[in-house]
Amino acid sequence: MIITISGKPGAGKTTVGRILAEQLGYKFYSIGEFRGEMAQKLGFTIDELNKIGEKNFWTDQRADEFQKKIGETENDVIIDGWIAFHFIPNSFKVFLDVDPKVSARRVFIDQRPDEEYLDNEKKVLKQLQERLKETRKRFLKYYQVDFLDKSHYDLIINTSKIPPEEVVKIIREKIEKL
């Protein structure tokens, strides 16, 4: 089985994906981390890479080809990526939602090295809202896919008030019924 996890920034996609993969004995991939590493190697932050991607398809294409290959060649994997469900249509598709203020708090506390450091939650909230808007616009432009359209998903969980372990439990219960 392949499980794809999409969702809003700060919803816990990577955290949940790692825990779920460990519990199931699956391999785990994070497309956000893949793109973050790509940005750092090129000397950019993830937001700078995303800005370049508004006009240059290659910034997404590398990650997209990587996802497609996983979907075609591997099994028993979990992939966290905003449009992984699109590239791996035969996957079990999970969407993690989160309140924007909770998202900003989580991201502020756990800022990644591929992101510009921001010194307060309000700045993080503004940055995340802009990132979400621009990423959605980019995916609509290149793929005609709105990853925020919840009709794409098999399971939707709001993670605002529940810990990652509980989110994993909900996902496991759902896939065990399949």
C-alpha atoms as a PDB file:
ATOM      1  CA  MET A   1       0.000   0.000   0.000  1.00  0.00           C
ATOM      2  CA  ILE A   2       1.073   3.561  -0.714  1.00  0.00           C
ATOM      3  CA  ILE A   3      -0.206   6.328   1.550  1.00  0.00           C
ATOM      4  CA  THR A   4       0.063   9.943   0.430  1.00  0.00           C
ATOM      5  CA  ILE A   5      -0.287  12.717   2.996  1.00  0.00           C
ATOM      6  CA  SER A   6      -1.152  16.229   1.920  1.00  0.00           C
ATOM      7  CA  GLY A   7      -2.377  19.184   3.921  1.00  0.00           C
ATOM      8  CA  LYS A   8      -1.737  22.672   5.069  1.00  0.00           C
ATOM      9  CA  PRO A   9       1.623  23.895   6.360  1.00  0.00           C
ATOM     10  CA  GLY A  10       2.131  23.033  10.013  1.00  0.00           C
ATOM     11  CA  ALA A  11      -0.593  20.364  10.010  1.00  0.00           C
ATOM     12  CA  GLY A  12       1.947  17.660  10.877  1.00  0.00           C
ATOM     13  CA  LYS A  13       2.375  15.915   7.526  1.00  0.00           C
ATOM     14  CA  THR A  14       6.018  14.978   8.053  1.00  0.00           C
ATOM     15  CA  THR A  15       5.674  14.149  11.742  1.00  0.00           C
ATOM     16  CA  VAL A  16       2.609  11.968  11.167  1.00  0.00           C
ATOM     17  CA  GLY A  17       4.190  10.372   8.105  1.00  0.00           C
ATOM     18  CA  ARG A  18       7.344   9.404   9.992  1.00  0.00           C
ATOM     19  CA  ILE A  19       5.433   7.915  12.933  1.00  0.00           C
ATOM     20  CA  LEU A  20       3.040   6.035  10.659  1.00  0.00           C
ATOM     21  CA  ALA A  21       5.880   4.670   8.527  1.00  0.00           C
ATOM     22  CA  GLU A  22       7.738   3.481  11.612  1.00  0.00           C
ATOM     23  CA  GLN A  23       4.654   1.750  13.011  1.00  0.00           C
ATOM     24  CA  LEU A  24       3.793   0.066   9.703  1.00  0.00           C
ATOM     25  CA  GLY A  25       7.386  -0.772   8.754  1.00  0.00           C
ATOM     26  CA  TYR A  26       7.051   1.356   5.582  1.00  0.00           C
ATOM     27  CA  LYS A  27       9.600   3.578   3.896  1.00  0.00           C
ATOM     28  CA  PHE A  28       8.982   7.321   4.312  1.00  0.00           C
ATOM     29  CA  TYR A  29       9.574  10.191   1.877  1.00  0.00           C
ATOM     30  CA  SER A  30       8.979  13.906   2.459  1.00  0.00           C
ATOM     31  CA  ILE A  31       8.692  15.965  -0.697  1.00  0.00           C
ATOM     32  CA  GLY A  32       8.931  19.149   1.382  1.00  0.00           C
ATOM     33  CA  GLU A  33      12.283  17.988   2.744  1.00  0.00           C
ATOM     34  CA  PHE A  34      13.361  16.919  -0.768  1.00  0.00           C
ATOM     35  CA  ARG A  35      12.599  20.412  -2.109  1.00  0.00           C
ATOM     36  CA  GLY A  36      14.131  22.057   0.966  1.00  0.00           C
ATOM     37  CA  GLU A  37      17.393  20.189   0.408  1.00  0.00           C
ATOM     38  CA  MET A  38      17.275  21.123  -3.267  1.00  0.00           C
ATOM     39  CA  ALA A  39      16.817  24.801  -2.320  1.00  0.00           C
ATOM     40  CA  GLN A  40      19.741  24.713   0.125  1.00  0.00           C
ATOM     41  CA  LYS A  41      22.045  23.059  -2.434  1.00  0.00           C
ATOM     42  CA  LEU A  42      21.197  25.873  -4.851  1.00  0.00           C
ATOM     43  CA  GLY A  43      21.759  28.530  -2.168  1.00  0.00           C
ATOM     44  CA  PHE A  44      18.084  29.464  -1.724  1.00  0.00           C
ATOM     45  CA  THR A  45      15.446  29.300   0.980  1.00  0.00           C
ATOM     46  CA  ILE A  46      12.359  27.226   0.153  1.00  0.00           C
ATOM     47  CA  ASP A  47      10.368  30.436  -0.390  1.00  0.00           C
ATOM     48  CA  GLU A  48      12.965  31.756  -2.833  1.00  0.00           C
ATOM     49  CA  LEU A  49      12.820  28.456  -4.719  1.00  0.00           C
ATOM     50  CA  ASN A  50       9.023  28.660  -4.761  1.00  0.00           C
ATOM     51  CA  LYS A  51       9.223  32.205  -6.137  1.00  0.00           C
ATOM     52  CA  ILE A  52      11.467  30.990  -8.959  1.00  0.00           C
ATOM     53  CA  GLY A  53       8.951  28.200  -9.527  1.00  0.00           C
ATOM     54  CA  GLU A  54       6.217  30.708 -10.313  1.00  0.00           C
ATOM     55  CA  LYS A  55       7.896  31.204 -13.703  1.00  0.00           C
ATOM     56  CA  ASN A  56      10.183  28.169 -14.015  1.00  0.00           C
ATOM     57  CA  PHE A  57       8.677  24.697 -14.014  1.00  0.00           C
ATOM     58  CA  TRP A  58      11.958  22.889 -13.189  1.00  0.00           C
ATOM     59  CA  THR A  59      11.673  23.754  -9.498  1.00  0.00           C
ATOM     60  CA  ASP A  60       8.658  21.462  -9.165  1.00  0.00           C
ATOM     61  CA  GLN A  61       9.464  19.038 -11.964  1.00  0.00           C
ATOM     62  CA  ARG A  62      12.372  17.377 -10.144  1.00  0.00           C
ATOM     63  CA  ALA A  63      10.244  16.613  -7.075  1.00  0.00           C
ATOM     64  CA  ASP A  64       7.297  15.564  -9.224  1.00  0.00           C
ATOM     65  CA  GLU A  65       9.334  13.077 -11.239  1.00  0.00           C
ATOM     66  CA  PHE A  66      10.725  11.692  -7.981  1.00  0.00           C
ATOM     67  CA  GLN A  67       7.185  11.114  -6.667  1.00  0.00           C
ATOM     68  CA  LYS A  68       6.005   9.503  -9.908  1.00  0.00           C
ATOM     69  CA  LYS A  69       8.951   7.098  -9.853  1.00  0.00           C
ATOM     70  CA  ILE A  70       8.203   6.060  -6.260  1.00  0.00           C
ATOM     71  CA  GLY A  71       4.574   5.447  -7.182  1.00  0.00           C
ATOM     72  CA  GLU A  72       5.565   3.294 -10.145  1.00  0.00           C
ATOM     73  CA  THR A  73       8.374   1.291  -8.551  1.00  0.00           C
ATOM     74  CA  GLU A  74       7.756   0.976  -4.820  1.00  0.00           C
ATOM     75  CA  ASN A  75       5.150  -0.333  -2.414  1.00  0.00           C
ATOM     76  CA  ASP A  76       4.656  -0.016   1.345  1.00  0.00           C
ATOM     77  CA  VAL A  77       5.661   3.644   1.364  1.00  0.00           C
ATOM     78  CA  ILE A  78       4.321   6.854   2.822  1.00  0.00           C
ATOM     79  CA  ILE A  79       4.880  10.091   0.952  1.00  0.00           C
ATOM     80  CA  ASP A  80       4.184  13.478   2.439  1.00  0.00           C
ATOM     81  CA  GLY A  81       3.751  15.994  -0.347  1.00  0.00           C
ATOM     82  CA  TRP A  82       1.148  18.556  -1.290  1.00  0.00           C
ATOM     83  CA  ILE A  83       0.252  16.898  -4.602  1.00  0.00           C
ATOM     84  CA  ALA A  84       1.636  13.405  -4.098  1.00  0.00           C
ATOM     85  CA  PHE A  85      -1.952  12.132  -4.396  1.00  0.00           C
ATOM     86  CA  HIS A  86      -2.022  13.500  -7.958  1.00  0.00           C
ATOM     87  CA  PHE A  87       1.145  11.698  -9.035  1.00  0.00           C
ATOM     88  CA  ILE A  88       0.210   8.468  -7.248  1.00  0.00           C
ATOM     89  CA  PRO A  89      -3.512   8.105  -7.913  1.00  0.00           C
ATOM     90  CA  ASN A  90      -3.655   4.526  -6.603  1.00  0.00           C
ATOM     91  CA  SER A  91      -2.592   5.669  -3.119  1.00  0.00           C
ATOM     92  CA  PHE A  92      -4.668   6.033   0.029  1.00  0.00           C
ATOM     93  CA  LYS A  93      -4.968   9.819   0.182  1.00  0.00           C
ATOM     94  CA  VAL A  94      -4.912  11.692   3.510  1.00  0.00           C
ATOM     95  CA  PHE A  95      -5.378  15.444   3.992  1.00  0.00           C
ATOM     96  CA  LEU A  96      -4.306  17.077   7.259  1.00  0.00           C
ATOM     97  CA  ASP A  97      -6.041  20.355   7.992  1.00  0.00           C
ATOM     98  CA  VAL A  98      -5.081  22.823  10.725  1.00  0.00           C
ATOM     99  CA  ASP A  99      -6.162  26.191  12.078  1.00  0.00           C
ATOM    100  CA  PRO A 100      -3.828  28.896  10.656  1.00  0.00           C
ATOM    101  CA  LYS A 101      -2.843  30.220  14.105  1.00  0.00           C
ATOM    102  CA  VAL A 102      -2.005  26.713  15.342  1.00  0.00           C
ATOM    103  CA  SER A 103      -0.018  26.172  12.149  1.00  0.00           C
ATOM    104  CA  ALA A 104       1.958  29.380  12.673  1.00  0.00           C
ATOM    105  CA  ARG A 105       2.730  28.459  16.289  1.00  0.00           C
ATOM    106  CA  ARG A 106       3.965  24.983  15.283  1.00  0.00           C
ATOM    107  CA  VAL A 107       6.104  26.272  12.417  1.00  0.00           C
ATOM    108  CA  PHE A 108       7.518  29.114  14.541  1.00  0.00           C
ATOM    109  CA  ILE A 109       8.626  26.647  17.233  1.00  0.00           C
ATOM    110  CA  ASP A 110      10.125  24.219  14.710  1.00  0.00           C
ATOM    111  CA  GLN A 111      11.629  26.416  11.990  1.00  0.00           C
ATOM    112  CA  ARG A 112      13.526  24.465   9.359  1.00  0.00           C
ATOM    113  CA  PRO A 113      17.024  25.275   8.089  1.00  0.00           C
ATOM    114  CA  ASP A 114      15.737  25.754   4.523  1.00  0.00           C
ATOM    115  CA  GLU A 115      13.403  28.555   5.640  1.00  0.00           C
ATOM    116  CA  GLU A 116      14.127  32.186   6.412  1.00  0.00           C
ATOM    117  CA  TYR A 117      14.171  32.573  10.210  1.00  0.00           C
ATOM    118  CA  LEU A 118      11.247  34.676  11.442  1.00  0.00           C
ATOM    119  CA  ASP A 119      11.214  36.080  14.973  1.00  0.00           C
ATOM    120  CA  ASN A 120       7.479  35.909  15.784  1.00  0.00           C
ATOM    121  CA  GLU A 121       4.315  33.928  15.062  1.00  0.00           C
ATOM    122  CA  LYS A 122       2.586  36.786  13.212  1.00  0.00           C
ATOM    123  CA  LYS A 123       5.383  36.910  10.641  1.00  0.00           C
ATOM    124  CA  VAL A 124       5.259  33.122  10.300  1.00  0.00           C
ATOM    125  CA  LEU A 125       1.476  33.221   9.812  1.00  0.00           C
ATOM    126  CA  LYS A 126       1.814  35.820   7.060  1.00  0.00           C
ATOM    127  CA  GLN A 127       4.590  33.826   5.375  1.00  0.00           C
ATOM    128  CA  LEU A 128       2.582  30.562   5.528  1.00  0.00           C
ATOM    129  CA  GLN A 129      -0.528  32.218   4.113  1.00  0.00           C
ATOM    130  CA  GLU A 130       1.514  33.602   1.217  1.00  0.00           C
ATOM    131  CA  ARG A 131       3.241  30.248   0.648  1.00  0.00           C
ATOM    132  CA  LEU A 132      -0.089  28.428   0.583  1.00  0.00           C
ATOM    133  CA  LYS A 133      -1.615  30.948  -1.835  1.00  0.00           C
ATOM    134  CA  GLU A 134       1.359  30.917  -4.214  1.00  0.00           C
ATOM    135  CA  THR A 135       1.802  27.140  -4.117  1.00  0.00           C
ATOM    136  CA  ARG A 136      -1.881  26.577  -4.854  1.00  0.00           C
ATOM    137  CA  LYS A 137      -1.620  29.039  -7.764  1.00  0.00           C
ATOM    138  CA  ARG A 138       1.510  27.271  -9.098  1.00  0.00           C
ATOM    139  CA  PHE A 139      -0.103  23.817  -8.979  1.00  0.00           C
ATOM    140  CA  LEU A 140      -3.226  25.115 -10.709  1.00  0.00           C
ATOM    141  CA  LYS A 141      -1.018  26.638 -13.425  1.00  0.00           C
ATOM    142  CA  TYR A 142       1.162  23.571 -14.033  1.00  0.00           C
ATOM    143  CA  TYR A 143      -1.215  20.696 -13.245  1.00  0.00           C
ATOM    144  CA  GLN A 144      -4.746  22.129 -13.014  1.00  0.00           C
ATOM    145  CA  VAL A 145      -4.892  20.560  -9.537  1.00  0.00           C
ATOM    146  CA  ASP A 146      -6.167  22.268  -6.403  1.00  0.00           C
ATOM    147  CA  PHE A 147      -4.628  20.350  -3.522  1.00  0.00           C
ATOM    148  CA  LEU A 148      -6.907  22.218  -1.093  1.00  0.00           C
ATOM    149  CA  ASP A 149      -9.987  20.665  -2.743  1.00  0.00           C
ATOM    150  CA  LYS A 150     -10.843  18.027  -0.165  1.00  0.00           C
ATOM    151  CA  SER A 151     -12.787  15.902  -2.668  1.00  0.00           C
ATOM    152  CA  HIS A 152      -9.400  14.464  -3.737  1.00  0.00           C
ATOM    153  CA  TYR A 153      -8.890  12.666  -0.422  1.00  0.00           C
ATOM    154  CA  ASP A 154      -9.994   9.433   1.237  1.00  0.00           C
ATOM    155  CA  LEU A 155      -9.529  10.791   4.764  1.00  0.00           C
ATOM    156  CA  ILE A 156      -9.492  14.346   6.139  1.00  0.00           C
ATOM    157  CA  ILE A 157      -8.303  15.076   9.678  1.00  0.00           C
ATOM    158  CA  ASN A 158      -8.115  18.417  11.444  1.00  0.00           C
ATOM    159  CA  THR A 159      -4.967  18.209  13.566  1.00  0.00           C
ATOM    160  CA  SER A 160      -5.406  21.520  15.409  1.00  0.00           C
ATOM    161  CA  LYS A 161      -6.378  19.943  18.726  1.00  0.00           C
ATOM    162  CA  ILE A 162      -4.995  16.419  18.512  1.00  0.00           C
ATOM    163  CA  PRO A 163      -1.423  15.145  18.873  1.00  0.00           C
ATOM    164  CA  PRO A 164       0.365  13.350  16.020  1.00  0.00           C
ATOM    165  CA  GLU A 165       0.025   9.948  17.718  1.00  0.00           C
ATOM    166  CA  GLU A 166      -3.774  10.322  17.705  1.00  0.00           C
ATOM    167  CA  VAL A 167      -3.733  11.337  14.030  1.00  0.00           C
ATOM    168  CA  VAL A 168      -1.708   8.205  13.260  1.00  0.00           C
ATOM    169  CA  LYS A 169      -4.218   6.102  15.190  1.00  0.00           C
ATOM    170  CA  ILE A 170      -7.097   7.537  13.122  1.00  0.00           C
ATOM    171  CA  ILE A 171      -5.269   6.794   9.862  1.00  0.00           C
ATOM    172  CA  ARG A 172      -4.405   3.252  10.960  1.00  0.00           C
ATOM    173  CA  GLU A 173      -7.995   2.531  11.953  1.00  0.00           C
ATOM    174  CA  LYS A 174      -9.197   3.726   8.557  1.00  0.00           C
ATOM    175  CA  ILE A 175      -6.681   1.725   6.492  1.00  0.00           C
ATOM    176  CA  GLU A 176      -7.252  -1.413   8.560  1.00  0.00           C
ATOM    177  CA  LYS A 177     -10.901  -1.277   7.471  1.00  0.00           C
ATOM    178  CA  LEU A 178      -9.914  -1.309   3.783  1.00  0.00           C
END
